[in-house]
Amino acid sequence: MGTVRPDAQRRAGRPPQGVLSRTRITGAALELIDEAGYDGLTMSALARRLKVAPSALYNHAASKQEVLRWLQDHVMTMVDFSAFATEPWADAVRSWAWSYRGVFARHAPLVPVIAVLPVTDAADTLRMYEEVARGFLAAGWPEDRVVPAIVALESFIYGSALDVSAPSDIFDSGALAGEFPLFTSAVRSSTGSGGNAADAAFRAGLEGLITGLDKQLAD
């Protein structure tokens, strides 16, 4: 009888795919949503993407809601909020907002999911909010006004992230241009000024928000 080599014995029980982990599951879920939107993310579709049985997936993630929480944490780790520890409040908000918008512009299908997803037990997401809140409080913001200000900024950031992928002719009046001459002229003027229209709009809105919020604090 031939001798079985030890390395052959080790390979015999090794699964063809890597062992499931939170990192693998999260990466596959992100790919599914980026490709097919939120409706494309189901536990069965995720299991197929990972090339495992649904039962194997459920052994690692109890529900789709848990996967979404992992996904939320994963994406929020990409947002740079470090400026709140070192920069003046307005500069820190500006840096954080541009980073936040950039992350979700790259993953626009996540916006309607993450924007309304509770942060319960999402440690990395809560870590970001903790540092942002710390920065607001250090700048003198009353505690009861910190969250409303963050929500106002996030609402603008999420909408602006979607605007990045909007068609360049979204405000084209078409054959009705003659009926709406003021708006049509304003659109042509803005598009003729050069530069990135989405960036220009975000910059204008963000600076307006920072100025307005700063004035509220001063008042």
N, C-alpha and C. Protein backbone atom coordinates (compact mmCIF):
# COMPACT_ATOMS: atom_id res chain seq x y z
N MET A 1 0.86 -1.20 0.00
CA MET A 1 0.00 0.00 0.00
C MET A 1 0.89 1.24 0.00
N GLY A 2 0.56 2.20 -0.86
CA GLY A 2 1.37 3.42 -0.93
C GLY A 2 1.17 4.28 0.30
N THR A 3 2.14 5.13 0.55
CA THR A 3 2.09 6.03 1.70
C THR A 3 1.50 7.37 1.27
N VAL A 4 0.50 7.86 2.05
CA VAL A 4 -0.11 9.15 1.76
C VAL A 4 0.74 10.25 2.37
N ARG A 5 1.16 11.20 1.55
CA ARG A 5 2.00 12.28 2.05
C ARG A 5 1.23 13.15 3.02
N PRO A 6 1.87 13.70 4.08
CA PRO A 6 1.18 14.55 5.06
C PRO A 6 0.52 15.76 4.42
N ASP A 7 1.18 16.35 3.39
CA ASP A 7 0.58 17.53 2.79
C ASP A 7 -0.68 17.19 2.03
N ALA A 8 -0.77 15.98 1.48
CA ALA A 8 -1.98 15.56 0.79
C ALA A 8 -3.11 15.39 1.78
N GLN A 9 -2.78 14.88 2.99
CA GLN A 9 -3.81 14.74 4.00
C GLN A 9 -4.36 16.09 4.41
N ARG A 10 -3.49 17.10 4.52
CA ARG A 10 -3.95 18.43 4.92
C ARG A 10 -4.86 19.04 3.86
N ARG A 11 -4.52 18.80 2.59
CA ARG A 11 -5.33 19.39 1.52
C ARG A 11 -6.69 18.75 1.41
N ALA A 12 -6.82 17.49 1.82
CA ALA A 12 -8.06 16.76 1.60
C ALA A 12 -9.25 17.43 2.28
N GLY A 13 -9.04 17.97 3.46
CA GLY A 13 -10.17 18.57 4.17
C GLY A 13 -10.28 20.06 4.01
N ARG A 14 -9.49 20.63 3.15
CA ARG A 14 -9.48 22.09 2.99
C ARG A 14 -10.57 22.53 2.02
N PRO A 15 -11.43 23.46 2.40
CA PRO A 15 -12.50 23.91 1.51
C PRO A 15 -11.95 24.64 0.30
N PRO A 16 -12.65 24.57 -0.84
CA PRO A 16 -12.16 25.23 -2.05
C PRO A 16 -12.12 26.74 -1.93
N GLN A 17 -12.98 27.31 -1.07
CA GLN A 17 -13.00 28.75 -0.86
C GLN A 17 -12.42 29.07 0.51
N GLY A 18 -11.98 30.31 0.69
CA GLY A 18 -11.47 30.73 1.97
C GLY A 18 -12.56 30.66 3.02
N VAL A 19 -12.15 30.51 4.27
CA VAL A 19 -13.10 30.43 5.37
C VAL A 19 -13.90 31.73 5.43
N LEU A 20 -15.18 31.63 5.67
CA LEU A 20 -16.02 32.82 5.78
C LEU A 20 -15.58 33.67 6.96
N SER A 21 -15.64 34.96 6.77
CA SER A 21 -15.29 35.90 7.82
C SER A 21 -16.13 37.15 7.63
N ARG A 22 -16.15 37.99 8.63
CA ARG A 22 -16.87 39.26 8.51
C ARG A 22 -16.32 40.09 7.35
N THR A 23 -14.99 40.07 7.19
CA THR A 23 -14.37 40.85 6.11
C THR A 23 -14.82 40.36 4.74
N ARG A 24 -14.81 39.03 4.52
CA ARG A 24 -15.23 38.48 3.22
C ARG A 24 -16.71 38.76 2.96
N ILE A 25 -17.52 38.58 3.98
CA ILE A 25 -18.96 38.79 3.82
C ILE A 25 -19.25 40.26 3.51
N THR A 26 -18.59 41.16 4.22
CA THR A 26 -18.79 42.59 4.01
C THR A 26 -18.35 43.00 2.61
N GLY A 27 -17.21 42.50 2.16
CA GLY A 27 -16.72 42.84 0.83
C GLY A 27 -17.67 42.38 -0.26
N ALA A 28 -18.20 41.16 -0.11
CA ALA A 28 -19.14 40.64 -1.10
C ALA A 28 -20.44 41.43 -1.09
N ALA A 29 -20.90 41.81 0.09
CA ALA A 29 -22.14 42.60 0.19
C ALA A 29 -21.97 43.96 -0.47
N LEU A 30 -20.80 44.58 -0.28
CA LEU A 30 -20.53 45.87 -0.91
C LEU A 30 -20.54 45.74 -2.43
N GLU A 31 -19.94 44.68 -2.94
CA GLU A 31 -19.93 44.45 -4.39
C GLU A 31 -21.35 44.28 -4.93
N LEU A 32 -22.18 43.54 -4.21
CA LEU A 32 -23.55 43.30 -4.67
C LEU A 32 -24.34 44.61 -4.74
N ILE A 33 -24.23 45.44 -3.71
CA ILE A 33 -24.98 46.69 -3.70
C ILE A 33 -24.45 47.66 -4.75
N ASP A 34 -23.14 47.71 -4.91
CA ASP A 34 -22.57 48.58 -5.95
C ASP A 34 -23.03 48.17 -7.35
N GLU A 35 -23.22 46.86 -7.55
CA GLU A 35 -23.60 46.35 -8.87
C GLU A 35 -25.11 46.40 -9.10
N ALA A 36 -25.89 46.05 -8.09
CA ALA A 36 -27.33 45.87 -8.30
C ALA A 36 -28.21 46.71 -7.38
N GLY A 37 -27.61 47.58 -6.58
CA GLY A 37 -28.40 48.38 -5.65
C GLY A 37 -28.82 47.58 -4.43
N TYR A 38 -29.52 48.25 -3.54
CA TYR A 38 -29.91 47.62 -2.29
C TYR A 38 -30.76 46.38 -2.52
N ASP A 39 -31.65 46.42 -3.50
CA ASP A 39 -32.53 45.27 -3.77
C ASP A 39 -31.74 44.04 -4.19
N GLY A 40 -30.53 44.24 -4.68
CA GLY A 40 -29.72 43.12 -5.10
C GLY A 40 -29.06 42.37 -3.96
N LEU A 41 -29.12 42.98 -2.76
CA LEU A 41 -28.51 42.33 -1.60
C LEU A 41 -29.55 41.50 -0.86
N THR A 42 -29.48 40.20 -1.06
CA THR A 42 -30.27 39.25 -0.28
C THR A 42 -29.30 38.22 0.28
N MET A 43 -29.72 37.52 1.30
CA MET A 43 -28.82 36.54 1.90
C MET A 43 -28.52 35.41 0.91
N SER A 44 -29.49 35.05 0.08
CA SER A 44 -29.25 33.99 -0.90
C SER A 44 -28.28 34.47 -1.98
N ALA A 45 -28.45 35.72 -2.44
CA ALA A 45 -27.53 36.26 -3.44
C ALA A 45 -26.13 36.40 -2.86
N LEU A 46 -26.05 36.79 -1.60
CA LEU A 46 -24.76 36.93 -0.95
C LEU A 46 -24.07 35.57 -0.80
N ALA A 47 -24.85 34.54 -0.47
CA ALA A 47 -24.29 33.19 -0.37
C ALA A 47 -23.75 32.72 -1.72
N ARG A 48 -24.50 33.03 -2.80
CA ARG A 48 -24.02 32.65 -4.14
C ARG A 48 -22.73 33.38 -4.48
N ARG A 49 -22.66 34.66 -4.13
CA ARG A 49 -21.45 35.44 -4.41
C ARG A 49 -20.24 34.85 -3.67
N LEU A 50 -20.49 34.36 -2.46
CA LEU A 50 -19.42 33.79 -1.65
C LEU A 50 -19.16 32.32 -1.95
N LYS A 51 -20.05 31.74 -2.81
CA LYS A 51 -19.93 30.32 -3.18
C LYS A 51 -20.05 29.40 -1.96
N VAL A 52 -21.03 29.72 -1.12
CA VAL A 52 -21.31 28.87 0.04
C VAL A 52 -22.82 28.64 0.11
N ALA A 53 -23.22 27.68 0.91
CA ALA A 53 -24.64 27.44 1.15
C ALA A 53 -25.19 28.54 2.06
N PRO A 54 -26.47 28.92 1.88
CA PRO A 54 -27.06 29.93 2.77
C PRO A 54 -26.90 29.58 4.25
N SER A 55 -26.98 28.29 4.57
CA SER A 55 -26.84 27.88 5.97
C SER A 55 -25.46 28.24 6.51
N ALA A 56 -24.43 28.12 5.67
CA ALA A 56 -23.07 28.48 6.09
C ALA A 56 -22.97 29.98 6.35
N LEU A 57 -23.65 30.76 5.51
CA LEU A 57 -23.64 32.21 5.70
C LEU A 57 -24.32 32.59 7.00
N TYR A 58 -25.47 31.94 7.28
CA TYR A 58 -26.21 32.26 8.50
C TYR A 58 -25.44 31.84 9.75
N ASN A 59 -24.48 30.94 9.61
CA ASN A 59 -23.65 30.57 10.76
C ASN A 59 -22.73 31.72 11.17
N HIS A 60 -22.50 32.67 10.23
CA HIS A 60 -21.60 33.78 10.51
C HIS A 60 -22.36 35.10 10.69
N ALA A 61 -23.43 35.28 9.94
CA ALA A 61 -24.23 36.51 10.04
C ALA A 61 -25.68 36.11 10.30
N ALA A 62 -26.21 36.56 11.41
CA ALA A 62 -27.53 36.10 11.83
C ALA A 62 -28.64 36.59 10.90
N SER A 63 -28.42 37.73 10.23
CA SER A 63 -29.49 38.31 9.41
C SER A 63 -28.90 39.31 8.43
N LYS A 64 -29.73 39.73 7.50
CA LYS A 64 -29.32 40.78 6.56
C LYS A 64 -29.03 42.07 7.31
N GLN A 65 -29.79 42.34 8.37
CA GLN A 65 -29.58 43.55 9.16
C GLN A 65 -28.18 43.58 9.77
N GLU A 66 -27.69 42.41 10.19
CA GLU A 66 -26.34 42.36 10.74
C GLU A 66 -25.30 42.63 9.65
N VAL A 67 -25.53 42.08 8.47
CA VAL A 67 -24.62 42.35 7.34
C VAL A 67 -24.59 43.84 7.03
N LEU A 68 -25.76 44.46 7.05
CA LEU A 68 -25.83 45.90 6.77
C LEU A 68 -25.06 46.70 7.83
N ARG A 69 -25.15 46.27 9.07
CA ARG A 69 -24.41 46.97 10.12
C ARG A 69 -22.91 46.82 9.91
N TRP A 70 -22.47 45.64 9.49
CA TRP A 70 -21.05 45.45 9.17
C TRP A 70 -20.64 46.34 8.00
N LEU A 71 -21.54 46.40 7.03
CA LEU A 71 -21.27 47.21 5.84
C LEU A 71 -21.17 48.69 6.22
N GLN A 72 -22.06 49.14 7.06
CA GLN A 72 -22.03 50.52 7.54
C GLN A 72 -20.70 50.83 8.22
N ASP A 73 -20.29 49.96 9.11
CA ASP A 73 -19.02 50.16 9.81
C ASP A 73 -17.85 50.17 8.83
N HIS A 74 -17.87 49.25 7.87
CA HIS A 74 -16.79 49.15 6.90
C HIS A 74 -16.64 50.45 6.11
N VAL A 75 -17.74 50.99 5.65
CA VAL A 75 -17.69 52.21 4.84
C VAL A 75 -17.29 53.41 5.70
N MET A 76 -17.79 53.48 6.92
CA MET A 76 -17.48 54.63 7.77
C MET A 76 -16.00 54.68 8.15
N THR A 77 -15.31 53.54 8.14
CA THR A 77 -13.87 53.58 8.42
C THR A 77 -13.10 54.30 7.31
N MET A 78 -13.72 54.48 6.15
CA MET A 78 -13.07 55.19 5.06
C MET A 78 -13.17 56.71 5.21
N VAL A 79 -14.08 57.17 6.07
CA VAL A 79 -14.29 58.61 6.24
C VAL A 79 -13.24 59.16 7.20
N ASP A 80 -12.57 60.21 6.79
CA ASP A 80 -11.51 60.82 7.59
C ASP A 80 -12.11 61.91 8.50
N PHE A 81 -12.10 61.66 9.79
CA PHE A 81 -12.61 62.64 10.75
C PHE A 81 -11.50 63.12 11.69
N SER A 82 -10.26 62.85 11.33
CA SER A 82 -9.14 63.14 12.22
C SER A 82 -8.96 64.63 12.48
N ALA A 83 -9.44 65.49 11.57
CA ALA A 83 -9.23 66.93 11.74
C ALA A 83 -9.91 67.48 12.98
N PHE A 84 -10.93 66.80 13.48
CA PHE A 84 -11.61 67.30 14.67
C PHE A 84 -10.71 67.31 15.89
N ALA A 85 -9.64 66.53 15.85
CA ALA A 85 -8.71 66.48 16.99
C ALA A 85 -7.65 67.56 16.92
N THR A 86 -7.49 68.19 15.75
CA THR A 86 -6.36 69.11 15.59
C THR A 86 -6.72 70.47 15.00
N GLU A 87 -7.82 70.55 14.27
CA GLU A 87 -8.13 71.77 13.51
C GLU A 87 -9.26 72.57 14.16
N PRO A 88 -9.34 73.86 13.85
CA PRO A 88 -10.50 74.65 14.29
C PRO A 88 -11.79 74.03 13.75
N TRP A 89 -12.90 74.30 14.42
CA TRP A 89 -14.17 73.64 14.11
C TRP A 89 -14.55 73.73 12.64
N ALA A 90 -14.52 74.91 12.05
CA ALA A 90 -14.95 75.08 10.65
C ALA A 90 -14.06 74.28 9.71
N ASP A 91 -12.76 74.30 9.93
CA ASP A 91 -11.85 73.55 9.07
C ASP A 91 -12.06 72.04 9.23
N ALA A 92 -12.32 71.62 10.46
CA ALA A 92 -12.56 70.20 10.72
C ALA A 92 -13.84 69.73 10.03
N VAL A 93 -14.90 70.51 10.12
CA VAL A 93 -16.15 70.17 9.45
C VAL A 93 -15.94 70.09 7.94
N ARG A 94 -15.21 71.04 7.42
CA ARG A 94 -14.94 71.08 5.98
C ARG A 94 -14.18 69.82 5.53
N SER A 95 -13.14 69.46 6.25
CA SER A 95 -12.34 68.28 5.91
C SER A 95 -13.17 67.00 6.01
N TRP A 96 -13.91 66.87 7.10
CA TRP A 96 -14.76 65.69 7.32
C TRP A 96 -15.82 65.56 6.23
N ALA A 97 -16.47 66.67 5.90
CA ALA A 97 -17.56 66.65 4.92
C ALA A 97 -17.07 66.26 3.53
N TRP A 98 -15.93 66.80 3.12
CA TRP A 98 -15.40 66.45 1.80
C TRP A 98 -15.02 64.97 1.74
N SER A 99 -14.43 64.47 2.81
CA SER A 99 -14.07 63.04 2.85
C SER A 99 -15.32 62.18 2.83
N TYR A 100 -16.30 62.52 3.63
CA TYR A 100 -17.56 61.78 3.75
C TYR A 100 -18.26 61.72 2.40
N ARG A 101 -18.35 62.87 1.76
CA ARG A 101 -19.01 62.93 0.45
C ARG A 101 -18.25 62.12 -0.58
N GLY A 102 -16.90 62.15 -0.54
CA GLY A 102 -16.11 61.38 -1.48
C GLY A 102 -16.32 59.88 -1.34
N VAL A 103 -16.41 59.41 -0.11
CA VAL A 103 -16.63 57.98 0.13
C VAL A 103 -17.97 57.53 -0.45
N PHE A 104 -19.01 58.28 -0.18
CA PHE A 104 -20.34 57.86 -0.65
C PHE A 104 -20.57 58.17 -2.12
N ALA A 105 -19.82 59.09 -2.68
CA ALA A 105 -19.88 59.29 -4.13
C ALA A 105 -19.35 58.05 -4.85
N ARG A 106 -18.37 57.38 -4.24
CA ARG A 106 -17.82 56.15 -4.83
C ARG A 106 -18.75 54.96 -4.61
N HIS A 107 -19.64 55.07 -3.64
CA HIS A 107 -20.57 53.97 -3.34
C HIS A 107 -21.99 54.53 -3.23
N ALA A 108 -22.41 55.23 -4.29
CA ALA A 108 -23.71 55.93 -4.28
C ALA A 108 -24.90 55.02 -3.96
N PRO A 109 -24.93 53.75 -4.41
CA PRO A 109 -26.10 52.91 -4.07
C PRO A 109 -26.27 52.69 -2.57
N LEU A 110 -25.23 52.96 -1.80
CA LEU A 110 -25.33 52.79 -0.35
C LEU A 110 -26.06 53.94 0.33
N VAL A 111 -26.17 55.08 -0.33
CA VAL A 111 -26.72 56.28 0.31
C VAL A 111 -28.10 56.03 0.90
N PRO A 112 -29.09 55.53 0.12
CA PRO A 112 -30.42 55.33 0.71
C PRO A 112 -30.45 54.26 1.78
N VAL A 113 -29.43 53.41 1.83
CA VAL A 113 -29.36 52.36 2.86
C VAL A 113 -28.78 52.92 4.15
N ILE A 114 -27.59 53.48 4.06
CA ILE A 114 -26.87 53.95 5.24
C ILE A 114 -27.54 55.17 5.86
N ALA A 115 -28.13 56.02 5.03
CA ALA A 115 -28.72 57.27 5.54
C ALA A 115 -29.83 57.02 6.56
N VAL A 116 -30.48 55.87 6.49
CA VAL A 116 -31.60 55.60 7.41
C VAL A 116 -31.32 54.37 8.29
N LEU A 117 -30.08 53.90 8.30
CA LEU A 117 -29.75 52.70 9.07
C LEU A 117 -29.37 53.08 10.50
N PRO A 118 -30.03 52.49 11.50
CA PRO A 118 -29.64 52.78 12.89
C PRO A 118 -28.18 52.43 13.14
N VAL A 119 -27.55 53.17 14.03
CA VAL A 119 -26.14 52.94 14.31
C VAL A 119 -25.95 52.02 15.52
N THR A 120 -27.02 51.44 16.01
CA THR A 120 -26.97 50.57 17.18
C THR A 120 -25.92 49.47 17.01
N ASP A 121 -24.99 49.39 17.96
CA ASP A 121 -23.94 48.36 18.00
C ASP A 121 -22.95 48.45 16.85
N ALA A 122 -22.97 49.52 16.08
CA ALA A 122 -22.01 49.70 14.98
C ALA A 122 -20.81 50.48 15.53
N ALA A 123 -19.82 49.75 16.03
CA ALA A 123 -18.73 50.37 16.80
C ALA A 123 -17.93 51.39 16.00
N ASP A 124 -17.57 51.06 14.76
CA ASP A 124 -16.75 51.99 13.98
C ASP A 124 -17.53 53.24 13.60
N THR A 125 -18.80 53.07 13.31
CA THR A 125 -19.65 54.23 13.00
C THR A 125 -19.79 55.12 14.22
N LEU A 126 -20.03 54.52 15.36
CA LEU A 126 -20.16 55.28 16.60
C LEU A 126 -18.85 55.97 16.98
N ARG A 127 -17.73 55.35 16.64
CA ARG A 127 -16.43 55.97 16.91
C ARG A 127 -16.28 57.27 16.12
N MET A 128 -16.75 57.27 14.88
CA MET A 128 -16.70 58.50 14.10
C MET A 128 -17.57 59.57 14.74
N TYR A 129 -18.80 59.22 15.08
CA TYR A 129 -19.70 60.20 15.69
C TYR A 129 -19.17 60.70 17.02
N GLU A 130 -18.52 59.84 17.77
CA GLU A 130 -17.95 60.25 19.05
C GLU A 130 -16.92 61.36 18.86
N GLU A 131 -16.05 61.19 17.88
CA GLU A 131 -15.01 62.19 17.64
C GLU A 131 -15.57 63.47 17.04
N VAL A 132 -16.57 63.34 16.19
CA VAL A 132 -17.21 64.54 15.64
C VAL A 132 -17.90 65.31 16.75
N ALA A 133 -18.63 64.60 17.61
CA ALA A 133 -19.30 65.25 18.74
C ALA A 133 -18.28 65.91 19.66
N ARG A 134 -17.16 65.24 19.89
CA ARG A 134 -16.11 65.81 20.74
C ARG A 134 -15.61 67.14 20.15
N GLY A 135 -15.45 67.16 18.82
CA GLY A 135 -15.01 68.38 18.17
C GLY A 135 -16.02 69.51 18.28
N PHE A 136 -17.29 69.18 18.15
CA PHE A 136 -18.34 70.20 18.31
C PHE A 136 -18.35 70.75 19.73
N LEU A 137 -18.31 69.87 20.70
CA LEU A 137 -18.36 70.30 22.10
C LEU A 137 -17.13 71.14 22.45
N ALA A 138 -15.97 70.75 21.94
CA ALA A 138 -14.75 71.51 22.21
C ALA A 138 -14.82 72.91 21.61
N ALA A 139 -15.62 73.06 20.53
CA ALA A 139 -15.78 74.37 19.89
C ALA A 139 -16.83 75.22 20.59
N GLY A 140 -17.45 74.67 21.63
CA GLY A 140 -18.42 75.45 22.39
C GLY A 140 -19.87 75.20 22.07
N TRP A 141 -20.14 74.16 21.26
CA TRP A 141 -21.53 73.88 20.93
C TRP A 141 -22.28 73.32 22.14
N PRO A 142 -23.50 73.83 22.39
CA PRO A 142 -24.33 73.24 23.45
C PRO A 142 -24.64 71.79 23.08
N GLU A 143 -24.65 70.91 24.06
CA GLU A 143 -24.82 69.49 23.79
C GLU A 143 -26.10 69.18 23.03
N ASP A 144 -27.19 69.90 23.34
CA ASP A 144 -28.48 69.59 22.71
C ASP A 144 -28.55 70.01 21.25
N ARG A 145 -27.53 70.76 20.77
CA ARG A 145 -27.55 71.21 19.38
C ARG A 145 -26.53 70.48 18.51
N VAL A 146 -25.77 69.58 19.12
CA VAL A 146 -24.74 68.88 18.36
C VAL A 146 -25.35 67.93 17.33
N VAL A 147 -26.25 67.06 17.75
CA VAL A 147 -26.82 66.07 16.82
C VAL A 147 -27.63 66.73 15.70
N PRO A 148 -28.50 67.72 15.99
CA PRO A 148 -29.20 68.38 14.88
C PRO A 148 -28.24 68.97 13.84
N ALA A 149 -27.12 69.53 14.29
CA ALA A 149 -26.16 70.11 13.34
C ALA A 149 -25.51 69.02 12.50
N ILE A 150 -25.17 67.89 13.14
CA ILE A 150 -24.56 66.77 12.40
C ILE A 150 -25.55 66.23 11.37
N VAL A 151 -26.82 66.08 11.76
CA VAL A 151 -27.84 65.57 10.83
C VAL A 151 -28.03 66.52 9.65
N ALA A 152 -28.02 67.82 9.92
CA ALA A 152 -28.16 68.79 8.83
C ALA A 152 -26.99 68.65 7.84
N LEU A 153 -25.80 68.50 8.35
CA LEU A 153 -24.64 68.34 7.47
C LEU A 153 -24.71 67.03 6.71
N GLU A 154 -25.07 65.95 7.39
CA GLU A 154 -25.15 64.65 6.72
C GLU A 154 -26.22 64.64 5.63
N SER A 155 -27.34 65.27 5.88
CA SER A 155 -28.40 65.32 4.86
C SER A 155 -27.87 65.95 3.58
N PHE A 156 -27.11 67.01 3.74
CA PHE A 156 -26.52 67.68 2.59
C PHE A 156 -25.44 66.82 1.94
N ILE A 157 -24.62 66.18 2.75
CA ILE A 157 -23.53 65.33 2.23
C ILE A 157 -24.08 64.17 1.42
N TYR A 158 -25.10 63.49 1.93
CA TYR A 158 -25.66 62.35 1.21
C TYR A 158 -26.26 62.77 -0.14
N GLY A 159 -27.00 63.87 -0.13
CA GLY A 159 -27.57 64.35 -1.39
C GLY A 159 -26.50 64.75 -2.38
N SER A 160 -25.44 65.36 -1.88
CA SER A 160 -24.34 65.78 -2.75
C SER A 160 -23.58 64.59 -3.31
N ALA A 161 -23.50 63.52 -2.52
CA ALA A 161 -22.84 62.31 -3.03
C ALA A 161 -23.59 61.74 -4.23
N LEU A 162 -24.91 61.80 -4.20
CA LEU A 162 -25.70 61.35 -5.35
C LEU A 162 -25.52 62.28 -6.54
N ASP A 163 -25.35 63.57 -6.26
CA ASP A 163 -25.22 64.56 -7.33
C ASP A 163 -23.98 64.33 -8.17
N VAL A 164 -22.96 63.73 -7.57
CA VAL A 164 -21.71 63.48 -8.31
C VAL A 164 -21.95 62.62 -9.54
N SER A 165 -22.87 61.66 -9.43
CA SER A 165 -23.13 60.75 -10.56
C SER A 165 -24.34 61.18 -11.40
N ALA A 166 -24.88 62.36 -11.13
CA ALA A 166 -26.01 62.85 -11.92
C ALA A 166 -25.55 63.20 -13.33
N PRO A 167 -26.43 63.05 -14.34
CA PRO A 167 -26.04 63.41 -15.72
C PRO A 167 -25.73 64.89 -15.84
N SER A 168 -24.80 65.22 -16.70
CA SER A 168 -24.37 66.62 -16.83
C SER A 168 -25.48 67.53 -17.37
N ASP A 169 -26.46 66.94 -18.05
CA ASP A 169 -27.55 67.75 -18.62
C ASP A 169 -28.82 67.66 -17.79
N ILE A 170 -28.69 67.40 -16.49
CA ILE A 170 -29.86 67.18 -15.65
C ILE A 170 -30.79 68.40 -15.63
N PHE A 171 -30.25 69.61 -15.81
CA PHE A 171 -31.08 70.82 -15.78
C PHE A 171 -31.34 71.40 -17.17
N ASP A 172 -31.14 70.59 -18.20
CA ASP A 172 -31.38 71.05 -19.57
C ASP A 172 -32.89 71.19 -19.80
N SER A 173 -33.33 72.38 -20.16
CA SER A 173 -34.76 72.64 -20.39
C SER A 173 -35.27 72.06 -21.70
N GLY A 174 -34.37 71.70 -22.58
CA GLY A 174 -34.78 71.12 -23.84
C GLY A 174 -35.62 72.07 -24.68
N ALA A 175 -36.67 71.52 -25.27
CA ALA A 175 -37.52 72.31 -26.16
C ALA A 175 -38.31 73.38 -25.42
N LEU A 176 -38.34 73.32 -24.09
CA LEU A 176 -39.10 74.29 -23.30
C LEU A 176 -38.24 75.46 -22.82
N ALA A 177 -37.03 75.55 -23.32
CA ALA A 177 -36.12 76.61 -22.87
C ALA A 177 -36.72 78.00 -23.03
N GLY A 178 -37.44 78.22 -24.11
CA GLY A 178 -38.02 79.54 -24.34
C GLY A 178 -39.09 79.90 -23.34
N GLU A 179 -39.74 78.92 -22.75
CA GLU A 179 -40.79 79.18 -21.75
C GLU A 179 -40.23 79.46 -20.37
N PHE A 180 -38.99 79.05 -20.15
CA PHE A 180 -38.38 79.23 -18.83
C PHE A 180 -37.00 79.87 -19.00
N PRO A 181 -36.99 81.11 -19.52
CA PRO A 181 -35.71 81.73 -19.94
C PRO A 181 -34.77 82.04 -18.79
N LEU A 182 -35.28 82.42 -17.63
CA LEU A 182 -34.39 82.80 -16.53
C LEU A 182 -33.59 81.60 -16.01
N PHE A 183 -34.31 80.50 -15.79
CA PHE A 183 -33.63 79.31 -15.29
C PHE A 183 -32.68 78.75 -16.35
N THR A 184 -33.13 78.73 -17.59
CA THR A 184 -32.30 78.21 -18.68
C THR A 184 -31.01 79.01 -18.80
N SER A 185 -31.11 80.33 -18.69
CA SER A 185 -29.94 81.18 -18.79
C SER A 185 -28.99 80.94 -17.61
N ALA A 186 -29.58 80.76 -16.43
CA ALA A 186 -28.76 80.51 -15.23
C ALA A 186 -28.02 79.18 -15.35
N VAL A 187 -28.67 78.18 -15.91
CA VAL A 187 -28.03 76.89 -16.11
C VAL A 187 -26.87 77.02 -17.09
N ARG A 188 -27.11 77.71 -18.18
CA ARG A 188 -26.05 77.89 -19.17
C ARG A 188 -24.88 78.67 -18.60
N SER A 189 -25.18 79.64 -17.77
CA SER A 189 -24.13 80.44 -17.15
C SER A 189 -23.27 79.60 -16.22
N SER A 190 -23.93 78.72 -15.45
CA SER A 190 -23.18 77.90 -14.48
C SER A 190 -22.34 76.85 -15.18
N THR A 191 -22.87 76.27 -16.24
CA THR A 191 -22.11 75.24 -16.96
C THR A 191 -21.00 75.83 -17.80
N GLY A 192 -21.12 77.10 -18.15
CA GLY A 192 -20.10 77.74 -18.97
C GLY A 192 -18.94 78.28 -18.17
N SER A 193 -19.03 78.20 -16.83
CA SER A 193 -17.98 78.77 -16.00
C SER A 193 -16.80 77.84 -15.81
N GLY A 194 -16.91 76.62 -16.32
CA GLY A 194 -15.81 75.66 -16.21
C GLY A 194 -15.78 74.99 -14.84
N GLY A 195 -14.90 74.01 -14.69
CA GLY A 195 -14.79 73.30 -13.42
C GLY A 195 -15.83 72.21 -13.28
N ASN A 196 -15.79 71.55 -12.17
CA ASN A 196 -16.71 70.45 -11.88
C ASN A 196 -17.96 71.02 -11.23
N ALA A 197 -19.11 70.84 -11.89
CA ALA A 197 -20.34 71.43 -11.40
C ALA A 197 -20.74 70.85 -10.05
N ALA A 198 -20.57 69.53 -9.88
CA ALA A 198 -20.95 68.90 -8.61
C ALA A 198 -20.06 69.40 -7.48
N ASP A 199 -18.77 69.56 -7.73
CA ASP A 199 -17.87 70.08 -6.71
C ASP A 199 -18.20 71.51 -6.36
N ALA A 200 -18.52 72.30 -7.38
CA ALA A 200 -18.85 73.71 -7.15
C ALA A 200 -20.11 73.84 -6.31
N ALA A 201 -21.11 73.01 -6.60
CA ALA A 201 -22.35 73.04 -5.83
C ALA A 201 -22.10 72.61 -4.39
N PHE A 202 -21.29 71.56 -4.22
CA PHE A 202 -21.01 71.08 -2.87
C PHE A 202 -20.25 72.14 -2.08
N ARG A 203 -19.27 72.76 -2.72
CA ARG A 203 -18.49 73.78 -2.03
C ARG A 203 -19.37 74.95 -1.60
N ALA A 204 -20.25 75.38 -2.49
CA ALA A 204 -21.13 76.51 -2.17
C ALA A 204 -22.07 76.16 -1.02
N GLY A 205 -22.67 74.98 -1.09
CA GLY A 205 -23.61 74.57 -0.05
C GLY A 205 -22.93 74.34 1.28
N LEU A 206 -21.76 73.69 1.25
CA LEU A 206 -21.05 73.41 2.49
C LEU A 206 -20.60 74.69 3.18
N GLU A 207 -20.06 75.62 2.39
CA GLU A 207 -19.63 76.88 2.99
C GLU A 207 -20.81 77.63 3.57
N GLY A 208 -21.97 77.55 2.89
CA GLY A 208 -23.17 78.20 3.42
C GLY A 208 -23.61 77.56 4.74
N LEU A 209 -23.55 76.25 4.81
CA LEU A 209 -23.92 75.55 6.04
C LEU A 209 -22.96 75.89 7.17
N ILE A 210 -21.67 75.87 6.88
CA ILE A 210 -20.69 76.18 7.93
C ILE A 210 -20.88 77.60 8.45
N THR A 211 -21.08 78.54 7.52
CA THR A 211 -21.29 79.93 7.92
C THR A 211 -22.56 80.07 8.75
N GLY A 212 -23.63 79.43 8.29
CA GLY A 212 -24.90 79.53 9.02
C GLY A 212 -24.83 78.89 10.39
N LEU A 213 -24.22 77.72 10.48
CA LEU A 213 -24.10 77.04 11.77
C LEU A 213 -23.19 77.83 12.71
N ASP A 214 -22.13 78.38 12.16
CA ASP A 214 -21.21 79.20 12.98
C ASP A 214 -21.94 80.42 13.52
N LYS A 215 -22.81 81.00 12.72
CA LYS A 215 -23.58 82.17 13.17
C LYS A 215 -24.56 81.77 14.27
N GLN A 216 -25.18 80.60 14.11
CA GLN A 216 -26.08 80.12 15.16
C GLN A 216 -25.34 79.98 16.48
N LEU A 217 -24.12 79.45 16.41
CA LEU A 217 -23.35 79.28 17.63
C LEU A 217 -23.00 80.63 18.25
N ALA A 218 -22.63 81.60 17.40
CA ALA A 218 -22.28 82.93 17.90
C ALA A 218 -23.48 83.61 18.53
N ASP A 219 -24.67 83.37 17.96
CA ASP A 219 -25.89 84.01 18.48
C ASP A 219 -26.32 83.38 19.79
